[in-house]
Protein backbone atom coordinates (compact mmCIF):
# COMPACT_ATOMS: atom_id res chain seq x y z
CA UNK A 1 0.00 0.00 0.00
CA UNK A 2 1.30 3.42 -0.85
CA UNK A 3 1.74 6.15 1.74
CA UNK A 4 -0.96 8.16 -0.04
CA UNK A 5 -3.35 5.22 0.27
CA UNK A 6 -2.66 5.04 3.99
CA UNK A 7 -3.37 8.76 4.40
CA UNK A 8 -6.58 8.38 2.40
CA UNK A 9 -7.66 5.47 4.59
CA UNK A 10 -6.90 7.49 7.73
CA UNK A 11 -9.08 10.30 6.39
CA UNK A 12 -11.92 7.87 5.64
CA UNK A 13 -11.68 6.32 9.11
CA UNK A 14 -11.85 9.79 10.71
CA UNK A 15 -14.93 10.65 8.61
CA UNK A 16 -16.56 7.36 9.60
CA UNK A 17 -15.92 7.98 13.31
CA UNK A 18 -17.37 11.49 13.00
CA UNK A 19 -20.44 10.24 11.16
CA UNK A 20 -21.09 7.47 13.70
CA UNK A 21 -20.83 10.03 16.52
CA UNK A 22 -23.23 12.47 14.83
CA UNK A 23 -25.71 9.88 13.55
CA UNK A 24 -28.95 9.07 15.39
CA UNK A 25 -27.25 6.09 17.03
CA UNK A 26 -24.47 8.35 18.46
CA UNK A 27 -22.03 5.44 18.55
CA UNK A 28 -18.65 6.26 20.08
CA UNK A 29 -17.50 2.82 21.21
CA UNK A 30 -16.70 1.24 17.86
CA UNK A 31 -13.05 0.52 17.12
CA UNK A 32 -12.00 0.84 13.47
CA UNK A 33 -8.70 -0.64 12.33
CA UNK A 34 -7.09 -1.19 8.97
CA UNK A 35 -5.73 -4.72 8.64
CA UNK A 36 -4.25 -6.11 5.47
CA UNK A 37 -6.17 -3.78 3.18
CA UNK A 38 -9.50 -4.47 4.92
CA UNK A 39 -11.20 -2.48 7.66
CA UNK A 40 -12.21 -4.22 10.88
CA UNK A 41 -14.99 -2.80 13.03
CA UNK A 42 -15.18 -4.16 16.57
CA UNK A 43 -17.08 -3.40 19.73
CA UNK A 44 -20.45 -4.06 21.35
CA UNK A 45 -23.77 -2.73 20.09
CA UNK A 46 -27.23 -2.94 21.68
CA UNK A 47 -29.12 -4.55 18.79
CA UNK A 48 -28.64 -6.34 15.48
CA UNK A 49 -30.33 -3.36 13.81
CA UNK A 50 -27.61 -1.05 15.21
CA UNK A 51 -24.93 -3.41 13.91
CA UNK A 52 -26.48 -3.47 10.44
CA UNK A 53 -26.84 0.33 10.43
CA UNK A 54 -23.19 0.79 11.44
CA UNK A 55 -22.00 -1.60 8.74
CA UNK A 56 -24.10 0.21 6.12
CA UNK A 57 -22.60 3.57 7.15
CA UNK A 58 -19.09 2.08 7.15
CA UNK A 59 -19.45 0.78 3.62
CA UNK A 60 -20.77 4.17 2.45
CA UNK A 61 -17.91 6.10 4.08
CA UNK A 62 -15.07 3.69 3.31
CA UNK A 63 -16.16 2.97 -0.25
CA UNK A 64 -17.46 0.03 -2.22
CA UNK A 65 -13.98 -1.06 -3.28
CA UNK A 66 -12.75 -1.91 0.24
CA UNK A 67 -13.56 -4.91 2.40
CA UNK A 68 -15.33 -4.13 5.67
CA UNK A 69 -15.15 -6.91 8.26
CA UNK A 70 -17.29 -6.99 11.36
CA UNK A 71 -16.41 -8.17 14.83
CA UNK A 72 -19.37 -6.25 16.29
CA UNK A 73 -21.03 -8.13 19.13
CA UNK A 74 -24.72 -7.67 19.94
CA UNK A 75 -25.26 -7.33 23.69
CA UNK A 76 -27.76 -9.77 25.07
CA UNK A 77 -30.34 -7.87 27.08
CA UNK A 78 -33.13 -10.41 27.33
CA UNK A 79 -35.24 -10.66 30.46
CA UNK A 80 -34.41 -13.54 32.82
CA UNK A 81 -36.63 -16.59 32.47
CA UNK A 82 -36.57 -17.38 36.21
CA UNK A 83 -35.91 -15.55 39.49
CA UNK A 84 -32.33 -15.19 40.62
CA UNK A 85 -31.42 -17.60 43.41
CA UNK A 86 -29.22 -16.13 46.12
CA UNK A 87 -27.20 -18.31 48.54
C-alpha atoms as a PDB file:
ATOM      1  CA  UNK A   1       0.000   0.000   0.000  1.00  0.00           C
ATOM      2  CA  UNK A   2       1.297   3.419  -0.855  1.00  0.00           C
ATOM      3  CA  UNK A   3       1.740   6.146   1.739  1.00  0.00           C
ATOM      4  CA  UNK A   4      -0.962   8.157  -0.042  1.00  0.00           C
ATOM      5  CA  UNK A   5      -3.353   5.223   0.275  1.00  0.00           C
ATOM      6  CA  UNK A   6      -2.658   5.039   3.994  1.00  0.00           C
ATOM      7  CA  UNK A   7      -3.366   8.764   4.401  1.00  0.00           C
ATOM      8  CA  UNK A   8      -6.583   8.382   2.399  1.00  0.00           C
ATOM      9  CA  UNK A   9      -7.665   5.470   4.595  1.00  0.00           C
ATOM     10  CA  UNK A  10      -6.902   7.490   7.728  1.00  0.00           C
ATOM     11  CA  UNK A  11      -9.076  10.297   6.393  1.00  0.00           C
ATOM     12  CA  UNK A  12     -11.919   7.870   5.642  1.00  0.00           C
ATOM     13  CA  UNK A  13     -11.682   6.322   9.110  1.00  0.00           C
ATOM     14  CA  UNK A  14     -11.849   9.791  10.709  1.00  0.00           C
ATOM     15  CA  UNK A  15     -14.928  10.655   8.614  1.00  0.00           C
ATOM     16  CA  UNK A  16     -16.561   7.364   9.604  1.00  0.00           C
ATOM     17  CA  UNK A  17     -15.919   7.984  13.312  1.00  0.00           C
ATOM     18  CA  UNK A  18     -17.370  11.485  12.998  1.00  0.00           C
ATOM     19  CA  UNK A  19     -20.442  10.238  11.158  1.00  0.00           C
ATOM     20  CA  UNK A  20     -21.086   7.472  13.701  1.00  0.00           C
ATOM     21  CA  UNK A  21     -20.831  10.029  16.521  1.00  0.00           C
ATOM     22  CA  UNK A  22     -23.232  12.473  14.826  1.00  0.00           C
ATOM     23  CA  UNK A  23     -25.711   9.878  13.549  1.00  0.00           C
ATOM     24  CA  UNK A  24     -28.950   9.068  15.390  1.00  0.00           C
ATOM     25  CA  UNK A  25     -27.246   6.086  17.032  1.00  0.00           C
ATOM     26  CA  UNK A  26     -24.470   8.346  18.457  1.00  0.00           C
ATOM     27  CA  UNK A  27     -22.034   5.438  18.548  1.00  0.00           C
ATOM     28  CA  UNK A  28     -18.653   6.265  20.083  1.00  0.00           C
ATOM     29  CA  UNK A  29     -17.502   2.822  21.214  1.00  0.00           C
ATOM     30  CA  UNK A  30     -16.702   1.235  17.855  1.00  0.00           C
ATOM     31  CA  UNK A  31     -13.049   0.521  17.117  1.00  0.00           C
ATOM     32  CA  UNK A  32     -12.000   0.839  13.475  1.00  0.00           C
ATOM     33  CA  UNK A  33      -8.697  -0.642  12.332  1.00  0.00           C
ATOM     34  CA  UNK A  34      -7.086  -1.186   8.967  1.00  0.00           C
ATOM     35  CA  UNK A  35      -5.735  -4.722   8.641  1.00  0.00           C
ATOM     36  CA  UNK A  36      -4.251  -6.105   5.469  1.00  0.00           C
ATOM     37  CA  UNK A  37      -6.168  -3.785   3.179  1.00  0.00           C
ATOM     38  CA  UNK A  38      -9.499  -4.474   4.918  1.00  0.00           C
ATOM     39  CA  UNK A  39     -11.200  -2.481   7.657  1.00  0.00           C
ATOM     40  CA  UNK A  40     -12.210  -4.220  10.884  1.00  0.00           C
ATOM     41  CA  UNK A  41     -14.993  -2.801  13.035  1.00  0.00           C
ATOM     42  CA  UNK A  42     -15.176  -4.155  16.569  1.00  0.00           C
ATOM     43  CA  UNK A  43     -17.083  -3.398  19.734  1.00  0.00           C
ATOM     44  CA  UNK A  44     -20.453  -4.059  21.347  1.00  0.00           C
ATOM     45  CA  UNK A  45     -23.772  -2.726  20.087  1.00  0.00           C
ATOM     46  CA  UNK A  46     -27.229  -2.944  21.683  1.00  0.00           C
ATOM     47  CA  UNK A  47     -29.119  -4.552  18.787  1.00  0.00           C
ATOM     48  CA  UNK A  48     -28.638  -6.338  15.484  1.00  0.00           C
ATOM     49  CA  UNK A  49     -30.334  -3.363  13.810  1.00  0.00           C
ATOM     50  CA  UNK A  50     -27.611  -1.048  15.212  1.00  0.00           C
ATOM     51  CA  UNK A  51     -24.925  -3.408  13.906  1.00  0.00           C
ATOM     52  CA  UNK A  52     -26.485  -3.471  10.437  1.00  0.00           C
ATOM     53  CA  UNK A  53     -26.843   0.329  10.429  1.00  0.00           C
ATOM     54  CA  UNK A  54     -23.192   0.791  11.443  1.00  0.00           C
ATOM     55  CA  UNK A  55     -22.000  -1.599   8.735  1.00  0.00           C
ATOM     56  CA  UNK A  56     -24.099   0.212   6.124  1.00  0.00           C
ATOM     57  CA  UNK A  57     -22.604   3.571   7.145  1.00  0.00           C
ATOM     58  CA  UNK A  58     -19.093   2.081   7.155  1.00  0.00           C
ATOM     59  CA  UNK A  59     -19.449   0.778   3.617  1.00  0.00           C
ATOM     60  CA  UNK A  60     -20.765   4.170   2.453  1.00  0.00           C
ATOM     61  CA  UNK A  61     -17.909   6.100   4.084  1.00  0.00           C
ATOM     62  CA  UNK A  62     -15.068   3.693   3.309  1.00  0.00           C
ATOM     63  CA  UNK A  63     -16.160   2.972  -0.247  1.00  0.00           C
ATOM     64  CA  UNK A  64     -17.459   0.035  -2.220  1.00  0.00           C
ATOM     65  CA  UNK A  65     -13.982  -1.061  -3.275  1.00  0.00           C
ATOM     66  CA  UNK A  66     -12.754  -1.908   0.239  1.00  0.00           C
ATOM     67  CA  UNK A  67     -13.558  -4.909   2.398  1.00  0.00           C
ATOM     68  CA  UNK A  68     -15.332  -4.128   5.674  1.00  0.00           C
ATOM     69  CA  UNK A  69     -15.146  -6.909   8.257  1.00  0.00           C
ATOM     70  CA  UNK A  70     -17.289  -6.985  11.362  1.00  0.00           C
ATOM     71  CA  UNK A  71     -16.412  -8.166  14.834  1.00  0.00           C
ATOM     72  CA  UNK A  72     -19.368  -6.251  16.294  1.00  0.00           C
ATOM     73  CA  UNK A  73     -21.035  -8.132  19.135  1.00  0.00           C
ATOM     74  CA  UNK A  74     -24.715  -7.672  19.936  1.00  0.00           C
ATOM     75  CA  UNK A  75     -25.256  -7.325  23.687  1.00  0.00           C
ATOM     76  CA  UNK A  76     -27.763  -9.768  25.071  1.00  0.00           C
ATOM     77  CA  UNK A  77     -30.344  -7.871  27.079  1.00  0.00           C
ATOM     78  CA  UNK A  78     -33.126 -10.407  27.331  1.00  0.00           C
ATOM     79  CA  UNK A  79     -35.242 -10.664  30.456  1.00  0.00           C
ATOM     80  CA  UNK A  80     -34.412 -13.538  32.817  1.00  0.00           C
ATOM     81  CA  UNK A  81     -36.630 -16.590  32.467  1.00  0.00           C
ATOM     82  CA  UNK A  82     -36.567 -17.376  36.209  1.00  0.00           C
ATOM     83  CA  UNK A  83     -35.912 -15.549  39.489  1.00  0.00           C
ATOM     84  CA  UNK A  84     -32.330 -15.189  40.621  1.00  0.00           C
ATOM     85  CA  UNK A  85     -31.417 -17.596  43.411  1.00  0.00           C
ATOM     86  CA  UNK A  86     -29.224 -16.131  46.125  1.00  0.00           C
ATOM     87  CA  UNK A  87     -27.204 -18.310  48.537  1.00  0.00           C
END
